[in-house]
Every structure is written in C-alpha cells, then in structure tokens.
mmCIF file of all heavy atoms, coordinates in Angstrom:
data_MODEL
# 
_entry.id   MODEL 
# 
loop_
_atom_site.group_PDB 
_atom_site.id 
_atom_site.type_symbol 
_atom_site.label_atom_id 
_atom_site.label_alt_id 
_atom_site.label_comp_id 
_atom_site.label_asym_id 
_atom_site.label_entity_id 
_atom_site.label_seq_id 
_atom_site.pdbx_PDB_ins_code 
_atom_site.Cartn_x 
_atom_site.Cartn_y 
_atom_site.Cartn_z 
_atom_site.occupancy 
_atom_site.B_iso_or_equiv 
_atom_site.pdbx_formal_charge 
_atom_site.auth_seq_id 
_atom_site.auth_comp_id 
_atom_site.auth_asym_id 
_atom_site.auth_atom_id 
_atom_site.pdbx_PDB_model_num 
ATOM 1   N N   . VAL A 1 1  ? -1.593  3.792   -4.611  1.00 0.00 ? 1  VAL A N   1 
ATOM 2   C CA  . VAL A 1 1  ? -1.584  2.403   -5.083  1.00 0.00 ? 1  VAL A CA  1 
ATOM 3   C C   . VAL A 1 1  ? -2.645  2.288   -6.172  1.00 0.00 ? 1  VAL A C   1 
ATOM 4   O O   . VAL A 1 1  ? -3.577  3.086   -6.249  1.00 0.00 ? 1  VAL A O   1 
ATOM 5   C CB  . VAL A 1 1  ? -1.862  1.382   -3.947  1.00 0.00 ? 1  VAL A CB  1 
ATOM 6   C CG1 . VAL A 1 1  ? -0.832  1.483   -2.844  1.00 0.00 ? 1  VAL A CG1 1 
ATOM 7   C CG2 . VAL A 1 1  ? -3.268  1.560   -3.393  1.00 0.00 ? 1  VAL A CG2 1 
ATOM 8   N N   . SER A 1 2  ? -2.489  1.278   -7.027  1.00 0.00 ? 2  SER A N   1 
ATOM 9   C CA  . SER A 1 2  ? -3.455  1.077   -8.099  1.00 0.00 ? 2  SER A CA  1 
ATOM 10  C C   . SER A 1 2  ? -4.726  0.431   -7.559  1.00 0.00 ? 2  SER A C   1 
ATOM 11  O O   . SER A 1 2  ? -4.738  -0.151  -6.465  1.00 0.00 ? 2  SER A O   1 
ATOM 12  C CB  . SER A 1 2  ? -2.858  0.175   -9.178  1.00 0.00 ? 2  SER A CB  1 
ATOM 13  O OG  . SER A 1 2  ? -2.693  -1.140  -8.681  1.00 0.00 ? 2  SER A OG  1 
ATOM 14  N N   . LYS A 1 3  ? -5.792  0.510   -8.339  1.00 0.00 ? 3  LYS A N   1 
ATOM 15  C CA  . LYS A 1 3  ? -7.048  -0.109  -7.933  1.00 0.00 ? 3  LYS A CA  1 
ATOM 16  C C   . LYS A 1 3  ? -6.883  -1.617  -7.815  1.00 0.00 ? 3  LYS A C   1 
ATOM 17  O O   . LYS A 1 3  ? -7.415  -2.249  -6.890  1.00 0.00 ? 3  LYS A O   1 
ATOM 18  C CB  . LYS A 1 3  ? -8.144  0.230   -8.941  1.00 0.00 ? 3  LYS A CB  1 
ATOM 19  C CG  . LYS A 1 3  ? -9.534  -0.235  -8.503  1.00 0.00 ? 3  LYS A CG  1 
ATOM 20  C CD  . LYS A 1 3  ? -10.623 0.322   -9.410  1.00 0.00 ? 3  LYS A CD  1 
ATOM 21  C CE  . LYS A 1 3  ? -12.012 -0.059  -8.878  1.00 0.00 ? 3  LYS A CE  1 
ATOM 22  N NZ  . LYS A 1 3  ? -13.083 0.545   -9.712  1.00 0.00 ? 3  LYS A NZ  1 
ATOM 23  N N   . THR A 1 4  ? -6.133  -2.211  -8.739  1.00 0.00 ? 4  THR A N   1 
ATOM 24  C CA  . THR A 1 4  ? -5.885  -3.658  -8.698  1.00 0.00 ? 4  THR A CA  1 
ATOM 25  C C   . THR A 1 4  ? -5.158  -4.042  -7.416  1.00 0.00 ? 4  THR A C   1 
ATOM 26  O O   . THR A 1 4  ? -5.508  -5.025  -6.755  1.00 0.00 ? 4  THR A O   1 
ATOM 27  C CB  . THR A 1 4  ? -5.055  -4.093  -9.918  1.00 0.00 ? 4  THR A CB  1 
ATOM 28  O OG1 . THR A 1 4  ? -5.776  -3.760  -11.100 1.00 0.00 ? 4  THR A OG1 1 
ATOM 29  C CG2 . THR A 1 4  ? -4.768  -5.582  -9.881  1.00 0.00 ? 4  THR A CG2 1 
ATOM 30  N N   . THR A 1 5  ? -4.137  -3.244  -7.062  1.00 0.00 ? 5  THR A N   1 
ATOM 31  C CA  . THR A 1 5  ? -3.381  -3.510  -5.833  1.00 0.00 ? 5  THR A CA  1 
ATOM 32  C C   . THR A 1 5  ? -4.278  -3.386  -4.608  1.00 0.00 ? 5  THR A C   1 
ATOM 33  O O   . THR A 1 5  ? -4.192  -4.196  -3.670  1.00 0.00 ? 5  THR A O   1 
ATOM 34  C CB  . THR A 1 5  ? -2.199  -2.541  -5.711  1.00 0.00 ? 5  THR A CB  1 
ATOM 35  O OG1 . THR A 1 5  ? -1.311  -2.754  -6.807  1.00 0.00 ? 5  THR A OG1 1 
ATOM 36  C CG2 . THR A 1 5  ? -1.446  -2.745  -4.400  1.00 0.00 ? 5  THR A CG2 1 
ATOM 37  N N   . ALA A 1 6  ? -5.140  -2.370  -4.601  1.00 0.00 ? 6  ALA A N   1 
ATOM 38  C CA  . ALA A 1 6  ? -6.032  -2.162  -3.455  1.00 0.00 ? 6  ALA A CA  1 
ATOM 39  C C   . ALA A 1 6  ? -6.990  -3.328  -3.282  1.00 0.00 ? 6  ALA A C   1 
ATOM 40  O O   . ALA A 1 6  ? -7.202  -3.815  -2.160  1.00 0.00 ? 6  ALA A O   1 
ATOM 41  C CB  . ALA A 1 6  ? -6.815  -0.860  -3.632  1.00 0.00 ? 6  ALA A CB  1 
ATOM 42  N N   . ILE A 1 7  ? -7.552  -3.820  -4.389  1.00 0.00 ? 7  ILE A N   1 
ATOM 43  C CA  . ILE A 1 7  ? -8.493  -4.938  -4.308  1.00 0.00 ? 7  ILE A CA  1 
ATOM 44  C C   . ILE A 1 7  ? -7.782  -6.210  -3.870  1.00 0.00 ? 7  ILE A C   1 
ATOM 45  O O   . ILE A 1 7  ? -8.228  -6.913  -2.953  1.00 0.00 ? 7  ILE A O   1 
ATOM 46  C CB  . ILE A 1 7  ? -9.186  -5.147  -5.667  1.00 0.00 ? 7  ILE A CB  1 
ATOM 47  C CG1 . ILE A 1 7  ? -10.093 -3.950  -5.981  1.00 0.00 ? 7  ILE A CG1 1 
ATOM 48  C CG2 . ILE A 1 7  ? -10.000 -6.439  -5.664  1.00 0.00 ? 7  ILE A CG2 1 
ATOM 49  C CD1 . ILE A 1 7  ? -10.654 -3.953  -7.379  1.00 0.00 ? 7  ILE A CD1 1 
ATOM 50  N N   . ALA A 1 8  ? -6.655  -6.509  -4.526  1.00 0.00 ? 8  ALA A N   1 
ATOM 51  C CA  . ALA A 1 8  ? -5.907  -7.734  -4.194  1.00 0.00 ? 8  ALA A CA  1 
ATOM 52  C C   . ALA A 1 8  ? -5.377  -7.675  -2.770  1.00 0.00 ? 8  ALA A C   1 
ATOM 53  O O   . ALA A 1 8  ? -5.446  -8.659  -2.024  1.00 0.00 ? 8  ALA A O   1 
ATOM 54  C CB  . ALA A 1 8  ? -4.760  -7.920  -5.181  1.00 0.00 ? 8  ALA A CB  1 
ATOM 55  N N   . GLY A 1 9  ? -4.867  -6.506  -2.377  1.00 0.00 ? 9  GLY A N   1 
ATOM 56  C CA  . GLY A 1 9  ? -4.322  -6.359  -1.031  1.00 0.00 ? 9  GLY A CA  1 
ATOM 57  C C   . GLY A 1 9  ? -5.378  -6.528  0.037   1.00 0.00 ? 9  GLY A C   1 
ATOM 58  O O   . GLY A 1 9  ? -5.125  -7.125  1.087   1.00 0.00 ? 9  GLY A O   1 
ATOM 59  N N   . THR A 1 10 ? -6.575  -6.029  -0.236  1.00 0.00 ? 10 THR A N   1 
ATOM 60  C CA  . THR A 1 10 ? -7.679  -6.171  0.712   1.00 0.00 ? 10 THR A CA  1 
ATOM 61  C C   . THR A 1 10 ? -8.064  -7.640  0.869   1.00 0.00 ? 10 THR A C   1 
ATOM 62  O O   . THR A 1 10 ? -8.263  -8.132  1.994   1.00 0.00 ? 10 THR A O   1 
ATOM 63  C CB  . THR A 1 10 ? -8.898  -5.352  0.253   1.00 0.00 ? 10 THR A CB  1 
ATOM 64  O OG1 . THR A 1 10 ? -8.523  -3.963  0.192   1.00 0.00 ? 10 THR A OG1 1 
ATOM 65  C CG2 . THR A 1 10 ? -10.055 -5.507  1.225   1.00 0.00 ? 10 THR A CG2 1 
ATOM 66  N N   . LEU A 1 11 ? -8.147  -8.353  -0.242  1.00 0.00 ? 11 LEU A N   1 
ATOM 67  C CA  . LEU A 1 11 ? -8.515  -9.776  -0.200  1.00 0.00 ? 11 LEU A CA  1 
ATOM 68  C C   . LEU A 1 11 ? -7.480  -10.602 0.546   1.00 0.00 ? 11 LEU A C   1 
ATOM 69  O O   . LEU A 1 11 ? -7.819  -11.553 1.249   1.00 0.00 ? 11 LEU A O   1 
ATOM 70  C CB  . LEU A 1 11 ? -8.697  -10.310 -1.624  1.00 0.00 ? 11 LEU A CB  1 
ATOM 71  C CG  . LEU A 1 11 ? -9.916  -9.774  -2.399  1.00 0.00 ? 11 LEU A CG  1 
ATOM 72  C CD1 . LEU A 1 11 ? -9.857  -10.245 -3.849  1.00 0.00 ? 11 LEU A CD1 1 
ATOM 73  C CD2 . LEU A 1 11 ? -11.218 -10.224 -1.731  1.00 0.00 ? 11 LEU A CD2 1 
ATOM 74  N N   . LEU A 1 12 ? -6.205  -10.238 0.403   1.00 0.00 ? 12 LEU A N   1 
ATOM 75  C CA  . LEU A 1 12 ? -5.115  -11.013 1.005   1.00 0.00 ? 12 LEU A CA  1 
ATOM 76  C C   . LEU A 1 12 ? -4.653  -10.439 2.342   1.00 0.00 ? 12 LEU A C   1 
ATOM 77  O O   . LEU A 1 12 ? -3.689  -10.937 2.930   1.00 0.00 ? 12 LEU A O   1 
ATOM 78  C CB  . LEU A 1 12 ? -3.928  -11.070 0.040   1.00 0.00 ? 12 LEU A CB  1 
ATOM 79  C CG  . LEU A 1 12 ? -4.188  -11.781 -1.289  1.00 0.00 ? 12 LEU A CG  1 
ATOM 80  C CD1 . LEU A 1 12 ? -3.000  -11.597 -2.232  1.00 0.00 ? 12 LEU A CD1 1 
ATOM 81  C CD2 . LEU A 1 12 ? -4.467  -13.270 -1.059  1.00 0.00 ? 12 LEU A CD2 1 
ATOM 82  N N   . SER A 1 13 ? -5.334  -9.399  2.824   1.00 0.00 ? 13 SER A N   1 
ATOM 83  C CA  . SER A 1 13 ? -4.971  -8.728  4.071   1.00 0.00 ? 13 SER A CA  1 
ATOM 84  C C   . SER A 1 13 ? -3.524  -8.215  4.041   1.00 0.00 ? 13 SER A C   1 
ATOM 85  O O   . SER A 1 13 ? -2.784  -8.330  5.020   1.00 0.00 ? 13 SER A O   1 
ATOM 86  C CB  . SER A 1 13 ? -5.158  -9.663  5.280   1.00 0.00 ? 13 SER A CB  1 
ATOM 87  O OG  . SER A 1 13 ? -5.095  -8.925  6.489   1.00 0.00 ? 13 SER A OG  1 
ATOM 88  N N   . ILE A 1 14 ? -3.146  -7.629  2.900   1.00 0.00 ? 14 ILE A N   1 
ATOM 89  C CA  . ILE A 1 14 ? -1.826  -7.030  2.764   1.00 0.00 ? 14 ILE A CA  1 
ATOM 90  C C   . ILE A 1 14 ? -1.846  -5.626  3.359   1.00 0.00 ? 14 ILE A C   1 
ATOM 91  O O   . ILE A 1 14 ? -2.724  -4.818  3.046   1.00 0.00 ? 14 ILE A O   1 
ATOM 92  C CB  . ILE A 1 14 ? -1.391  -6.964  1.281   1.00 0.00 ? 14 ILE A CB  1 
ATOM 93  C CG1 . ILE A 1 14 ? -1.309  -8.375  0.682   1.00 0.00 ? 14 ILE A CG1 1 
ATOM 94  C CG2 . ILE A 1 14 ? -0.055  -6.236  1.136   1.00 0.00 ? 14 ILE A CG2 1 
ATOM 95  C CD1 . ILE A 1 14 ? -0.290  -9.276  1.339   1.00 0.00 ? 14 ILE A CD1 1 
ATOM 96  N N   . LYS A 1 15 ? -0.877  -5.335  4.200   1.00 0.00 ? 15 LYS A N   1 
ATOM 97  C CA  . LYS A 1 15 ? -0.786  -4.023  4.844   1.00 0.00 ? 15 LYS A CA  1 
ATOM 98  C C   . LYS A 1 15 ? 0.541   -3.373  4.463   1.00 0.00 ? 15 LYS A C   1 
ATOM 99  O O   . LYS A 1 15 ? 1.613   -3.943  4.689   1.00 0.00 ? 15 LYS A O   1 
ATOM 100 C CB  . LYS A 1 15 ? -0.860  -4.154  6.367   1.00 0.00 ? 15 LYS A CB  1 
ATOM 101 C CG  . LYS A 1 15 ? -2.043  -4.978  6.862   1.00 0.00 ? 15 LYS A CG  1 
ATOM 102 C CD  . LYS A 1 15 ? -3.378  -4.368  6.494   1.00 0.00 ? 15 LYS A CD  1 
ATOM 103 C CE  . LYS A 1 15 ? -4.543  -5.204  6.993   1.00 0.00 ? 15 LYS A CE  1 
ATOM 104 N NZ  . LYS A 1 15 ? -5.851  -4.684  6.518   1.00 0.00 ? 15 LYS A NZ  1 
ATOM 105 N N   . PRO A 1 16 ? 0.490   -2.180  3.870   1.00 0.00 ? 16 PRO A N   1 
ATOM 106 C CA  . PRO A 1 16 ? 1.733   -1.508  3.476   1.00 0.00 ? 16 PRO A CA  1 
ATOM 107 C C   . PRO A 1 16 ? 2.444   -0.884  4.666   1.00 0.00 ? 16 PRO A C   1 
ATOM 108 O O   . PRO A 1 16 ? 1.808   -0.467  5.635   1.00 0.00 ? 16 PRO A O   1 
ATOM 109 C CB  . PRO A 1 16 ? 1.245   -0.429  2.508   1.00 0.00 ? 16 PRO A CB  1 
ATOM 110 C CG  . PRO A 1 16 ? -0.117  -0.094  3.021   1.00 0.00 ? 16 PRO A CG  1 
ATOM 111 C CD  . PRO A 1 16 ? -0.700  -1.398  3.527   1.00 0.00 ? 16 PRO A CD  1 
ATOM 112 N N   . ILE A 1 17 ? 3.763   -0.817  4.579   1.00 0.00 ? 17 ILE A N   1 
ATOM 113 C CA  . ILE A 1 17 ? 4.580   -0.082  5.540   1.00 0.00 ? 17 ILE A CA  1 
ATOM 114 C C   . ILE A 1 17 ? 5.133   1.127   4.790   1.00 0.00 ? 17 ILE A C   1 
ATOM 115 O O   . ILE A 1 17 ? 5.771   0.978   3.745   1.00 0.00 ? 17 ILE A O   1 
ATOM 116 C CB  . ILE A 1 17 ? 5.738   -0.946  6.088   1.00 0.00 ? 17 ILE A CB  1 
ATOM 117 C CG1 . ILE A 1 17 ? 5.204   -2.263  6.674   1.00 0.00 ? 17 ILE A CG1 1 
ATOM 118 C CG2 . ILE A 1 17 ? 6.533   -0.156  7.131   1.00 0.00 ? 17 ILE A CG2 1 
ATOM 119 C CD1 . ILE A 1 17 ? 4.223   -2.102  7.801   1.00 0.00 ? 17 ILE A CD1 1 
ATOM 120 N N   . LEU A 1 18 ? 4.860   2.310   5.309   1.00 0.00 ? 18 LEU A N   1 
ATOM 121 C CA  . LEU A 1 18 ? 5.267   3.540   4.645   1.00 0.00 ? 18 LEU A CA  1 
ATOM 122 C C   . LEU A 1 18 ? 6.085   4.408   5.591   1.00 0.00 ? 18 LEU A C   1 
ATOM 123 O O   . LEU A 1 18 ? 6.021   4.244   6.816   1.00 0.00 ? 18 LEU A O   1 
ATOM 124 C CB  . LEU A 1 18 ? 4.035   4.335   4.177   1.00 0.00 ? 18 LEU A CB  1 
ATOM 125 C CG  . LEU A 1 18 ? 2.980   3.588   3.366   1.00 0.00 ? 18 LEU A CG  1 
ATOM 126 C CD1 . LEU A 1 18 ? 1.824   3.147   4.277   1.00 0.00 ? 18 LEU A CD1 1 
ATOM 127 C CD2 . LEU A 1 18 ? 2.423   4.479   2.255   1.00 0.00 ? 18 LEU A CD2 1 
ATOM 128 N N   . HIS A 1 19 ? 6.867   5.311   5.012   1.00 0.00 ? 19 HIS A N   1 
ATOM 129 C CA  . HIS A 1 19 ? 7.535   6.302   5.853   1.00 0.00 ? 19 HIS A CA  1 
ATOM 130 C C   . HIS A 1 19 ? 7.669   7.609   5.084   1.00 0.00 ? 19 HIS A C   1 
ATOM 131 O O   . HIS A 1 19 ? 7.376   7.675   3.879   1.00 0.00 ? 19 HIS A O   1 
ATOM 132 C CB  . HIS A 1 19 ? 8.892   5.792   6.349   1.00 0.00 ? 19 HIS A CB  1 
ATOM 133 C CG  . HIS A 1 19 ? 10.026  5.972   5.386   1.00 0.00 ? 19 HIS A CG  1 
ATOM 134 N ND1 . HIS A 1 19 ? 11.246  6.469   5.760   1.00 0.00 ? 19 HIS A ND1 1 
ATOM 135 C CD2 . HIS A 1 19 ? 10.127  5.728   4.059   1.00 0.00 ? 19 HIS A CD2 1 
ATOM 136 C CE1 . HIS A 1 19 ? 12.061  6.522   4.718   1.00 0.00 ? 19 HIS A CE1 1 
ATOM 137 N NE2 . HIS A 1 19 ? 11.411  6.072   3.675   1.00 0.00 ? 19 HIS A NE2 1 
ATOM 138 N N   . VAL A 1 20 ? 8.064   8.673   5.786   1.00 0.00 ? 20 VAL A N   1 
ATOM 139 C CA  . VAL A 1 20 ? 8.328   9.961   5.166   1.00 0.00 ? 20 VAL A CA  1 
ATOM 140 C C   . VAL A 1 20 ? 9.823   10.050  4.922   1.00 0.00 ? 20 VAL A C   1 
ATOM 141 O O   . VAL A 1 20 ? 10.629  9.845   5.839   1.00 0.00 ? 20 VAL A O   1 
ATOM 142 C CB  . VAL A 1 20 ? 7.832   11.117  6.057   1.00 0.00 ? 20 VAL A CB  1 
ATOM 143 C CG1 . VAL A 1 20 ? 8.310   12.464  5.515   1.00 0.00 ? 20 VAL A CG1 1 
ATOM 144 C CG2 . VAL A 1 20 ? 6.312   11.107  6.146   1.00 0.00 ? 20 VAL A CG2 1 
ATOM 145 N N   . ASP A 1 21 ? 10.214  10.333  3.659   1.00 0.00 ? 21 ASP A N   1 
ATOM 146 C CA  . ASP A 1 21 ? 11.630  10.315  3.301   1.00 0.00 ? 21 ASP A CA  1 
ATOM 147 C C   . ASP A 1 21 ? 12.291  11.667  3.542   1.00 0.00 ? 21 ASP A C   1 
ATOM 148 O O   . ASP A 1 21 ? 11.680  12.591  4.102   1.00 0.00 ? 21 ASP A O   1 
ATOM 149 C CB  . ASP A 1 21 ? 11.809  9.844   1.852   1.00 0.00 ? 21 ASP A CB  1 
ATOM 150 C CG  . ASP A 1 21 ? 11.277  10.851  0.822   1.00 0.00 ? 21 ASP A CG  1 
ATOM 151 O OD1 . ASP A 1 21 ? 10.887  11.981  1.205   1.00 0.00 ? 21 ASP A OD1 1 
ATOM 152 O OD2 . ASP A 1 21 ? 11.264  10.507  -0.379  1.00 0.00 ? 21 ASP A OD2 1 
ATOM 153 N N   . ASN A 1 22 ? 13.550  11.801  3.124   1.00 0.00 ? 22 ASN A N   1 
ATOM 154 C CA  . ASN A 1 22 ? 14.314  13.018  3.396   1.00 0.00 ? 22 ASN A CA  1 
ATOM 155 C C   . ASN A 1 22 ? 13.782  14.246  2.676   1.00 0.00 ? 22 ASN A C   1 
ATOM 156 O O   . ASN A 1 22 ? 14.121  15.380  3.041   1.00 0.00 ? 22 ASN A O   1 
ATOM 157 C CB  . ASN A 1 22 ? 15.785  12.814  3.020   1.00 0.00 ? 22 ASN A CB  1 
ATOM 158 C CG  . ASN A 1 22 ? 16.508  11.915  3.994   1.00 0.00 ? 22 ASN A CG  1 
ATOM 159 O OD1 . ASN A 1 22 ? 15.985  11.571  5.053   1.00 0.00 ? 22 ASN A OD1 1 
ATOM 160 N ND2 . ASN A 1 22 ? 17.714  11.505  3.646   1.00 0.00 ? 22 ASN A ND2 1 
ATOM 161 N N   . GLU A 1 23 ? 12.976  14.038  1.646   1.00 0.00 ? 23 GLU A N   1 
ATOM 162 C CA  . GLU A 1 23 ? 12.358  15.162  0.937   1.00 0.00 ? 23 GLU A CA  1 
ATOM 163 C C   . GLU A 1 23 ? 10.980  15.487  1.493   1.00 0.00 ? 23 GLU A C   1 
ATOM 164 O O   . GLU A 1 23 ? 10.296  16.380  0.981   1.00 0.00 ? 23 GLU A O   1 
ATOM 165 C CB  . GLU A 1 23 ? 12.251  14.845  -0.560  1.00 0.00 ? 23 GLU A CB  1 
ATOM 166 C CG  . GLU A 1 23 ? 13.559  14.969  -1.319  1.00 0.00 ? 23 GLU A CG  1 
ATOM 167 C CD  . GLU A 1 23 ? 14.525  13.829  -0.996  1.00 0.00 ? 23 GLU A CD  1 
ATOM 168 O OE1 . GLU A 1 23 ? 14.086  12.662  -1.049  1.00 0.00 ? 23 GLU A OE1 1 
ATOM 169 O OE2 . GLU A 1 23 ? 15.693  14.117  -0.665  1.00 0.00 ? 23 GLU A OE2 1 
ATOM 170 N N   . GLY A 1 24 ? 10.554  14.767  2.517   1.00 0.00 ? 24 GLY A N   1 
ATOM 171 C CA  . GLY A 1 24 ? 9.254   15.019  3.122   1.00 0.00 ? 24 GLY A CA  1 
ATOM 172 C C   . GLY A 1 24 ? 8.106   14.378  2.390   1.00 0.00 ? 24 GLY A C   1 
ATOM 173 O O   . GLY A 1 24 ? 6.947   14.761  2.578   1.00 0.00 ? 24 GLY A O   1 
# 
C-alpha cells in the first residue's frame, strides 16, 4: 500500500482484507 493510504487508513481505522490467489 502507499504511504498516503497507510496514514489515511490508520487515522480512519481502515483494515484491509487480503487473500492468497491462484498464483500464490
């Protein structure tokens, strides 16, 4: 994620949902 996204996400308590795809 970008630095801007990390800062904004932290301030807004945004939590990403991630997964491992078919290519690993």
